[in-house]
């Protein structure tokens, strides 16, 4: 799941929520959706935490050298 972008994870979460709100879903399907949703929430939380730490490093020393994209390259070189 690490390669999943946060936007994609949020989209999948929305799909799971819509499925879980359906009156036709079985209990087993509901549990499977819940389990997958919790994994997606953890992935999103971990991603946000990682980015927040990068921003704090930048804010603390004013340097852009620590800013990394998810690919590991500095943002300025990502274009």
Protein backbone atom coordinates (compact mmCIF):
# COMPACT_ATOMS: atom_id res chain seq x y z
CA UNK A 1 0.00 0.00 0.00
CA UNK A 2 3.06 2.27 0.35
CA UNK A 3 2.99 3.16 -3.36
CA UNK A 4 -0.64 4.32 -3.09
CA UNK A 5 -0.95 8.10 -3.28
CA UNK A 6 -2.92 9.76 -0.51
CA UNK A 7 -5.48 11.08 -3.00
CA UNK A 8 -6.06 7.55 -4.26
CA UNK A 9 -6.43 6.28 -0.70
CA UNK A 10 -9.06 8.93 0.06
CA UNK A 11 -10.94 8.01 -3.12
CA UNK A 12 -10.93 4.34 -2.11
CA UNK A 13 -12.16 5.28 1.36
CA UNK A 14 -15.06 7.16 -0.20
CA UNK A 15 -15.90 4.11 -2.33
CA UNK A 16 -15.82 1.86 0.73
CA UNK A 17 -18.08 4.21 2.67
CA UNK A 18 -20.59 4.29 -0.18
CA UNK A 19 -20.54 0.49 -0.34
CA UNK A 20 -21.00 0.18 3.42
CA UNK A 21 -24.00 2.53 3.31
CA UNK A 22 -25.72 0.29 0.77
CA UNK A 23 -28.65 -1.69 2.19
CA UNK A 24 -27.63 -4.71 0.08
CA UNK A 25 -24.22 -5.23 1.74
CA UNK A 26 -23.78 -8.36 3.82
CA UNK A 27 -22.27 -8.39 7.29
CA UNK A 28 -19.17 -10.19 5.99
CA UNK A 29 -18.73 -7.61 3.22
CA UNK A 30 -19.15 -4.85 5.80
CA UNK A 31 -16.37 -6.30 7.95
CA UNK A 32 -14.09 -6.66 4.91
CA UNK A 33 -14.75 -3.04 3.92
CA UNK A 34 -14.10 -1.90 7.47
CA UNK A 35 -10.80 -3.78 7.62
CA UNK A 36 -9.65 -2.38 4.28
CA UNK A 37 -10.78 1.09 5.32
CA UNK A 38 -8.77 0.95 8.53
CA UNK A 39 -5.65 0.00 6.56
CA UNK A 40 -6.25 2.95 4.24
CA UNK A 41 -6.75 5.31 7.20
CA UNK A 42 -3.45 4.12 8.71
CA UNK A 43 -1.70 4.64 5.36
CA UNK A 44 -3.10 8.19 5.11
CA UNK A 45 -2.16 8.97 8.70
CA UNK A 46 1.39 7.66 8.24
CA UNK A 47 1.78 9.69 5.04
CA UNK A 48 0.53 12.87 6.69
CA UNK A 49 2.82 12.31 9.69
CA UNK A 50 5.82 11.84 7.40
CA UNK A 51 5.07 15.03 5.48
CA UNK A 52 4.43 16.95 8.70
CA UNK A 53 7.87 15.94 10.00
CA UNK A 54 9.47 17.13 6.77
CA UNK A 55 7.71 20.48 7.06
CA UNK A 56 8.83 20.84 10.68
CA UNK A 57 12.45 20.27 9.64
CA UNK A 58 12.14 22.97 7.01
CA UNK A 59 10.44 25.37 9.40
CA UNK A 60 13.06 24.85 12.09
CA UNK A 61 16.12 25.71 10.00
CA UNK A 62 14.62 27.64 7.06
CA UNK A 63 16.38 25.34 4.60
CA UNK A 64 14.70 23.69 1.65
CA UNK A 65 17.36 20.98 1.43
CA UNK A 66 15.38 18.60 3.66
CA UNK A 67 12.17 18.86 1.61
CA UNK A 68 11.74 15.60 -0.22
CA UNK A 69 8.99 14.41 -2.50
CA UNK A 70 7.59 10.93 -1.94
CA UNK A 71 10.11 9.71 -4.54
CA UNK A 72 13.00 10.88 -2.37
CA UNK A 73 14.11 13.74 -4.64
CA UNK A 74 14.11 17.37 -3.57
CA UNK A 75 10.92 19.15 -4.64
CA UNK A 76 12.86 21.63 -6.77
CA UNK A 77 14.23 18.76 -8.87
CA UNK A 78 10.89 16.92 -9.18
CA UNK A 79 9.66 19.08 -12.08
